[in-house]
Protein backbone atom coordinates (compact mmCIF):
# COMPACT_ATOMS: atom_id res chain seq x y z
CA MET A 1 29.39 76.19 84.00
CA GLY A 2 28.76 76.63 87.74
CA MET A 3 30.30 79.41 89.85
CA LYS A 4 32.47 76.96 91.73
CA GLU A 5 33.86 75.42 88.56
CA PHE A 6 34.45 78.89 87.02
CA PHE A 7 36.26 80.10 90.12
CA THR A 8 38.41 77.00 90.26
CA ASN A 9 39.43 77.18 86.61
CA THR A 10 40.21 80.90 86.84
CA PHE A 11 42.26 80.41 90.03
CA PHE A 12 44.44 77.71 88.44
CA THR A 13 44.89 79.74 85.31
CA VAL A 14 46.14 82.70 87.31
CA VAL A 15 48.46 80.46 89.35
CA ILE A 16 49.93 78.91 86.22
CA ALA A 17 50.39 82.31 84.57
CA LEU A 18 52.08 83.75 87.69
CA SER A 19 54.32 80.72 88.01
CA ALA A 20 55.34 80.97 84.39
CA THR A 21 56.06 84.69 84.75
CA ILE A 22 58.13 84.16 87.85
CA MET A 23 60.15 81.39 86.23
CA VAL A 24 60.81 83.46 83.13
CA ALA A 25 61.82 86.42 85.30
CA PHE A 26 64.10 84.21 87.40
CA TYR A 27 65.90 82.66 84.39
CA PHE A 28 66.14 86.04 82.70
CA SER A 29 67.69 87.51 85.82
CA ARG A 30 70.26 84.68 86.02
CA TRP A 31 71.00 85.01 82.35
CA HIS A 32 71.39 88.80 82.69
CA ARG A 33 73.81 88.38 85.63
CA ARG A 34 75.86 85.79 83.73
CA LEU A 35 75.96 87.95 80.64
CA TRP A 36 76.99 91.03 82.58
CA ALA A 37 79.67 89.03 84.46
CA GLU A 38 80.99 87.70 81.17
CA ILE A 39 81.06 91.20 79.67
CA LYS A 40 82.98 92.53 82.70
CA ARG A 41 85.40 89.56 82.58
CA ARG A 42 86.17 90.08 78.90
CA TYR A 43 86.58 93.85 79.46
CA MET A 44 88.99 93.18 82.31
CA GLU A 45 91.04 90.69 80.29
CA LYS A 46 91.23 93.21 77.42
CA LYS A 47 92.52 95.83 79.88
CA ILE A 48 95.08 93.37 81.24
CA GLN A 49 96.30 92.67 77.71
CA SER A 50 97.13 96.40 77.37
CA LEU A 51 99.26 96.44 80.50
CA THR A 52 103.07 96.64 80.23
CA ASN A 53 105.77 96.93 82.90
CA HIS A 54 103.27 95.79 85.57
CA PHE A 55 103.42 93.38 88.51
CA ILE A 56 101.66 90.03 88.92
CA VAL A 57 100.67 88.79 92.38
CA CYS A 58 100.04 85.07 92.65
CA GLY A 59 97.73 84.29 95.58
CA PHE A 60 95.28 86.55 97.41
CA GLY A 61 95.47 85.09 100.91
CA ARG A 62 96.71 87.02 103.96
CA VAL A 63 100.11 87.75 102.44
CA GLY A 64 99.00 88.26 98.84
CA SER A 65 96.17 90.62 99.76
CA GLN A 66 98.57 92.78 101.78
CA VAL A 67 101.00 92.84 98.88
CA ALA A 68 98.22 93.97 96.55
CA GLU A 69 97.20 96.64 99.07
CA GLU A 70 100.71 98.06 99.11
CA LEU A 71 101.00 98.05 95.33
CA TYR A 72 97.68 99.82 95.10
CA HIS A 73 98.80 102.58 97.45
CA GLU A 74 102.01 102.93 95.45
CA GLY A 75 99.99 103.53 92.30
CA VAL A 76 101.63 100.56 90.58
CA PRO A 77 99.67 98.59 87.95
CA PHE A 78 99.21 94.96 88.94
CA VAL A 79 97.19 91.82 88.27
CA VAL A 80 96.25 89.20 90.88
CA THR A 81 95.79 85.50 90.15
CA GLU A 82 93.84 83.36 92.61
CA LYS A 83 92.30 79.87 92.50
CA GLU A 84 89.60 80.40 95.11
CA PRO A 85 86.41 82.05 93.65
CA SER A 86 85.53 83.70 97.00
CA ARG A 87 88.89 85.45 97.15
CA VAL A 88 88.60 86.52 93.52
CA LYS A 89 85.28 88.20 94.42
CA GLN A 90 86.97 90.03 97.34
CA CYS A 91 89.69 91.25 95.02
CA LEU A 92 87.29 92.34 92.30
CA LYS A 93 85.19 94.23 94.86
CA LYS A 94 88.23 96.47 95.54
CA GLY A 95 88.32 97.28 91.85
CA TRP A 96 91.55 95.39 91.15
CA PHE A 97 92.31 93.13 88.21
CA CYS A 98 92.00 89.51 89.28
CA LEU A 99 92.04 86.27 87.25
CA LEU A 100 90.50 83.03 88.45
CA GLY A 101 92.91 80.12 88.02
CA ASP A 102 95.70 78.12 89.61
CA ALA A 103 99.04 79.53 88.39
CA ALA A 104 100.77 76.59 90.07
CA LYS A 105 99.07 74.15 87.67
CA GLU A 106 98.13 76.14 84.56
CA GLU A 107 100.71 78.13 82.63
CA LYS A 108 97.96 79.90 80.73
CA VAL A 109 96.98 81.78 83.93
CA LEU A 110 100.35 83.53 83.93
CA GLN A 111 100.05 84.19 80.22
CA LYS A 112 96.61 85.76 80.62
CA ALA A 113 98.14 88.00 83.32
CA GLY A 114 100.67 89.21 80.77
CA ILE A 115 103.76 87.56 82.20
CA GLU A 116 105.80 88.20 79.05
CA ARG A 117 105.22 92.00 79.42
CA ALA A 118 105.42 92.19 83.20
CA LYS A 119 108.08 93.96 85.24
CA GLY A 120 107.86 91.75 88.26
CA LEU A 121 106.20 88.71 89.80
CA ILE A 122 105.34 88.29 93.50
CA ILE A 123 104.49 84.74 94.53
CA ALA A 124 102.59 84.67 97.77
CA PHE A 125 101.63 80.98 98.00
CA GLY A 126 102.19 79.07 101.23
CA GLU A 127 103.45 75.82 99.63
CA ASP A 128 107.09 75.78 98.52
CA ALA A 129 106.45 73.27 95.72
CA GLU A 130 103.75 75.56 94.16
CA VAL A 131 106.02 78.59 94.51
CA LEU A 132 108.89 76.71 92.84
CA PHE A 133 106.71 75.62 89.87
CA VAL A 134 105.44 79.17 89.25
CA ALA A 135 108.96 80.61 89.48
CA VAL A 136 110.42 78.13 86.99
CA THR A 137 107.49 78.61 84.58
CA ALA A 138 107.68 82.42 84.81
CA LYS A 139 111.46 82.48 84.20
CA ALA A 140 111.05 80.22 81.16
CA ILE A 141 108.53 82.68 79.63
CA ASN A 142 110.27 85.87 80.67
CA PRO A 143 113.93 85.42 81.67
CA LYS A 144 114.30 89.12 82.59
CA LEU A 145 111.37 89.05 85.05
CA PHE A 146 112.14 90.23 88.59
CA ILE A 147 110.71 87.67 90.97
CA VAL A 148 109.95 87.99 94.67
CA ALA A 149 108.77 84.77 96.30
CA ARG A 150 107.55 83.60 99.65
CA ALA A 151 109.17 80.50 101.18
CA SER A 152 108.06 78.53 104.20
CA SER A 153 111.38 76.80 104.87
CA VAL A 154 115.12 77.39 104.49
CA GLU A 155 115.28 74.38 102.09
CA GLY A 156 112.55 75.89 99.96
CA ALA A 157 114.33 79.23 99.92
CA SER A 158 117.54 77.51 98.76
CA LYS A 159 115.76 75.85 95.83
CA LEU A 160 114.14 79.12 94.81
CA GLU A 161 117.53 80.81 94.83
CA GLN A 162 118.90 78.10 92.59
CA VAL A 163 116.19 78.66 89.91
CA GLY A 164 116.89 82.39 89.76
CA VAL A 165 114.35 83.99 92.11
CA ASP A 166 115.67 87.50 92.82
CA ARG A 167 114.35 88.03 96.37
CA ILE A 168 113.03 85.46 98.84
CA ALA A 169 110.89 86.26 101.90
CA LEU A 170 110.69 83.92 104.86
CA PRO A 171 107.70 85.33 106.83
CA TYR A 172 108.76 83.86 110.19
CA LYS A 173 112.30 85.18 109.77
CA ILE A 174 111.16 88.67 108.71
CA GLY A 175 108.61 88.78 111.52
CA GLY A 176 111.12 87.68 114.16
CA TYR A 177 113.74 90.17 112.98
CA HIS A 178 111.24 92.99 112.95
CA MET A 179 109.84 92.14 116.42
CA ALA A 180 113.34 91.99 117.94
CA ASN A 181 114.23 95.38 116.49
CA MET A 182 110.94 96.82 117.73
CA ALA A 183 111.92 95.75 121.21
CA LEU A 184 115.58 96.84 120.98
CA ARG A 185 115.34 99.95 118.81
CA PRO A 186 111.71 101.13 118.75
CA GLY A 187 112.56 104.67 117.72
CA VAL A 188 114.61 103.53 114.79
CA VAL A 189 111.89 101.11 113.64
CA ASP A 190 109.26 103.83 113.86
CA PHE A 191 111.46 106.17 111.78
CA LEU A 192 112.09 103.50 109.13
CA ASP A 193 108.37 102.65 108.97
CA VAL A 194 107.65 106.35 108.26
CA ILE A 195 110.21 106.78 105.50
CA VAL A 196 109.38 103.60 103.54
CA ASP A 197 105.60 104.20 103.71
CA THR A 198 104.65 106.36 100.71
CA ARG A 199 101.26 107.07 102.29
CA ARG A 200 103.13 109.28 104.74
CA LYS A 201 104.37 112.35 102.93
CA GLU A 202 106.92 113.64 105.48
CA MET A 203 109.97 111.86 104.11
CA VAL A 204 110.18 108.89 101.75
CA VAL A 205 112.94 106.52 100.71
CA GLU A 206 112.91 105.68 97.04
CA GLU A 207 115.06 103.82 94.49
CA LEU A 208 116.18 105.33 91.21
CA GLU A 209 117.65 102.97 88.62
CA ILE A 210 120.13 104.44 86.13
CA ASN A 211 119.40 102.90 82.76
CA GLN A 212 121.32 103.07 79.52
CA LYS A 213 119.58 106.21 78.30
CA SER A 214 119.88 108.13 81.55
CA SER A 215 121.77 111.42 81.46
CA LEU A 216 123.34 110.47 84.80
CA VAL A 217 125.58 107.80 83.22
CA GLY A 218 129.20 108.97 83.52
CA GLN A 219 128.25 111.86 85.83
CA THR A 220 129.39 112.34 89.48
CA LEU A 221 127.15 112.62 92.48
CA THR A 222 128.17 116.25 92.59
CA HIS A 223 126.33 116.79 89.28
CA PHE A 224 123.32 114.93 90.62
CA GLY A 225 123.31 116.99 93.79
CA GLN A 226 123.23 120.23 91.82
CA THR A 227 119.92 119.25 90.23
CA SER A 228 118.28 117.14 92.96
CA GLY A 229 117.34 119.89 95.39
CA ASN A 230 116.96 118.60 98.96
CA VAL A 231 117.08 114.92 98.03
CA VAL A 232 119.80 112.99 99.87
CA VAL A 233 121.64 110.04 98.36
CA LEU A 234 121.83 107.41 101.12
CA ALA A 235 123.56 104.72 99.06
CA VAL A 236 124.61 103.61 95.61
CA LYS A 237 124.00 99.95 94.81
CA ARG A 238 126.14 98.67 92.00
CA GLU A 239 125.08 96.16 89.38
CA ASP A 240 127.58 93.60 90.80
CA GLY A 241 125.77 93.66 94.12
CA SER A 242 128.21 95.91 96.04
CA CYS A 243 126.72 98.82 97.96
CA LEU A 244 128.31 102.19 98.72
CA ILE A 245 126.79 103.58 101.94
CA ASN A 246 126.90 107.38 102.39
CA PRO A 247 128.82 107.75 99.08
CA THR A 248 131.25 110.60 98.44
CA SER A 249 130.44 113.25 95.89
CA ASP A 250 133.16 112.15 93.44
CA ILE A 251 131.55 108.72 92.83
CA ILE A 252 130.97 108.29 89.08
CA LEU A 253 127.57 106.84 88.27
CA LYS A 254 127.26 103.87 85.88
CA GLU A 255 124.53 102.14 83.91
CA GLY A 256 122.73 99.66 86.21
CA ASP A 257 123.43 101.64 89.41
CA ARG A 258 120.54 102.08 91.81
CA LEU A 259 120.44 105.26 93.92
CA ILE A 260 118.75 104.97 97.31
CA LEU A 261 117.22 108.40 97.88
CA LEU A 262 115.68 110.19 100.82
CA GLY A 263 113.39 113.15 100.29
CA THR A 264 109.84 114.43 100.22
CA GLU A 265 107.38 112.87 97.76
CA GLN A 266 107.31 116.18 95.84
CA ASP A 267 111.09 116.33 95.43
CA LEU A 268 111.32 112.65 94.49
CA ASN A 269 108.66 113.10 91.82
CA LYS A 270 110.75 115.88 90.30
CA ILE A 271 113.72 113.47 90.18
CA ARG A 272 111.63 110.78 88.48
CA ARG A 273 110.41 113.25 85.86
CA GLY A 274 113.83 114.78 85.35
CA TYR A 275 115.63 111.50 84.83
CA GLY A 276 112.90 109.49 83.22
CA ALA A 277 112.39 107.11 86.12
C-alpha cells in the first residue's frame, strides 16, 4: 500500500468516525433534553394535582401575564393555561405552573389544572366566544367556582353574566374610568393604589370572609374591634349583595359576610390567623 493510499484511507476513516460520534452526541443531547423536559412536565403536573383552593388563569397574554404577576406577589397558588408554546416557555421561566393547551377547545386542560378543586378562575382571553365557552365548561364541572372574566364588548359581558360569571372586566371601561379619576382626583387614586397593593407595607386593604365555623358569627363589630388592634372596618358586605359603608359598632356579623379591612400587613396577618382566614 502506497503512502498516498494509506493517508487517504486513514483520513476517511477518521472523518467517518468523527461524523458518527457527532451524530450520536447530537441525538443523545436531543434525547436527554426531551427526557428532562418530560420529567419536569410530569413533576409539575403531579404538583398541580396536589393543589387545592387555588386559582386558574386562562391565557398568558398582556392581561393574563399581569394577572399572574399579581397573584404571585400575593403569594396565592395558581396555574396558568396557555395555547402558545412560546408563552408557556415565558411562564415556566418565571417558575410558575403552566399547562400547554387550549382551554377554549379542550375541557381536559381545565381538568389538568384542577378545576374541580380550584377556588377561582380568571379568564383573560380576548375573544368573547372563547371566554364564554370556558366559563360554561368551568361552571358545569365546579358550580361553586368563583369566576372573573374579561369581556371585549357590552354584549359579551351580558352573556357572561347570564351564565353565572361572578365578576366581569371590560378593559376599555376600567382603563377609561381609572384615567378620568387620575385626572380629576390624582391624590385619591395614588392613595387607593397604595392601600390595595400588598407589595407596599404601609397600609393595606384586605377582605375577610366570615364562614360557618368562624367565631365571629353572631358577634358585633364591638367584639371584633376589641381583638383586631388597629385594624379599621371600612365596610361590611352582606351575602345578599348589600354593603354597609362605615358600619356602626352594634352591627351583628353573619355567616357569609365579608369585612373590608384597612390596616398594616402585620395586623391583618394576625386577623387571618386569629379567625382562620
